Amino acid sequence: MDNLKDLQSFGFTLPSPAWLFGSLVFGTLGFGVFWYGKKQQRTWTKWIGVALMVYPYAISETWQLYAVGCALCAAIWFVPD
């Protein structure tokens, strides 16, 4: 029994290497931003870090992953605390 073909018959597909890399990078950045926001007591920075860590679970397209990740990274500098 080929497990990959069984999963594909149900509509499941493996993510691309670019998606996996982006998810890892933005998740790691999110953890660092969360840690920094918690240490500096910056509420919005802390929540942007949480968003950076969580959003890859909700997005399946690679271009959307990078677009949202870049927007959240830009929000770190533009959202005042």
Protein backbone atom coordinates (compact mmCIF):
# COMPACT_ATOMS: atom_id res chain seq x y z
CA MET A 1 0.00 0.00 0.00
CA ASP A 2 1.46 3.37 -1.03
CA ASN A 3 0.64 5.85 1.73
CA LEU A 4 1.42 8.94 -0.33
CA LYS A 5 -0.96 7.89 -3.09
CA ASP A 6 -3.63 7.11 -0.50
CA LEU A 7 -3.30 10.59 0.98
CA GLN A 8 -3.37 12.21 -2.45
CA SER A 9 -6.59 10.36 -3.25
CA PHE A 10 -8.16 12.12 -0.24
CA GLY A 11 -6.90 15.51 -1.44
CA PHE A 12 -3.88 15.84 0.84
CA THR A 13 -0.63 17.13 -0.65
CA LEU A 14 2.79 17.73 0.79
CA PRO A 15 3.92 21.36 1.07
CA SER A 16 6.68 22.65 -1.17
CA PRO A 17 10.22 23.17 0.17
CA ALA A 18 9.73 26.94 -0.27
CA TRP A 19 6.64 26.80 1.95
CA LEU A 20 8.47 24.76 4.60
CA PHE A 21 11.42 27.16 4.57
CA GLY A 22 9.15 30.22 4.84
CA SER A 23 7.16 28.65 7.65
CA LEU A 24 10.36 27.92 9.57
CA VAL A 25 11.80 31.40 9.00
CA PHE A 26 8.64 33.31 9.93
CA GLY A 27 7.95 31.05 12.92
CA THR A 28 11.46 31.62 14.24
CA LEU A 29 11.18 35.38 13.68
CA GLY A 30 7.82 35.29 15.43
CA PHE A 31 9.31 33.64 18.48
CA GLY A 32 12.08 36.24 18.62
CA VAL A 33 9.60 39.11 18.21
CA PHE A 34 7.34 37.62 20.89
CA TRP A 35 10.26 37.24 23.28
CA TYR A 36 11.42 40.81 22.61
CA GLY A 37 7.90 42.22 23.04
CA LYS A 38 7.42 40.35 26.30
CA LYS A 39 10.80 41.48 27.63
CA GLN A 40 10.22 45.14 26.66
CA GLN A 41 6.54 45.02 27.74
CA ARG A 42 5.35 46.03 24.27
CA THR A 43 1.87 44.58 23.83
CA TRP A 44 1.47 45.01 20.06
CA THR A 45 4.94 43.66 19.36
CA LYS A 46 4.19 40.60 21.44
CA TRP A 47 0.92 39.93 19.55
CA ILE A 48 2.59 40.40 16.17
CA GLY A 49 5.10 37.75 17.27
CA VAL A 50 2.25 35.39 18.14
CA ALA A 51 0.67 36.05 14.74
CA LEU A 52 3.97 35.31 12.99
CA MET A 53 4.21 31.98 14.80
CA VAL A 54 0.60 30.89 14.21
CA TYR A 55 -0.44 32.10 10.74
CA PRO A 56 1.51 29.48 8.69
CA TYR A 57 -0.91 26.84 9.98
CA ALA A 58 -3.82 28.64 8.27
CA ILE A 59 -2.20 29.39 4.89
CA SER A 60 -1.53 26.75 2.27
CA GLU A 61 -0.29 28.83 -0.70
CA THR A 62 3.41 29.73 -0.74
CA TRP A 63 2.93 33.24 -2.16
CA GLN A 64 0.35 34.01 0.55
CA LEU A 65 2.73 32.75 3.23
CA TYR A 66 5.45 35.15 2.11
CA ALA A 67 3.04 38.08 1.55
CA VAL A 68 1.47 37.84 5.02
CA GLY A 69 4.85 37.18 6.65
CA CYS A 70 6.42 40.26 5.05
CA ALA A 71 3.39 42.37 6.01
CA LEU A 72 3.60 41.23 9.64
CA CYS A 73 7.36 41.87 9.72
CA ALA A 74 6.75 45.38 8.36
CA ALA A 75 4.06 45.89 11.02
CA ILE A 76 6.71 45.48 13.73
CA TRP A 77 8.21 48.82 12.74
CA PHE A 78 5.06 50.68 11.74
CA VAL A 79 2.69 49.79 14.61
CA PRO A 80 3.37 52.12 17.53
CA ASP A 81 3.34 50.88 21.12
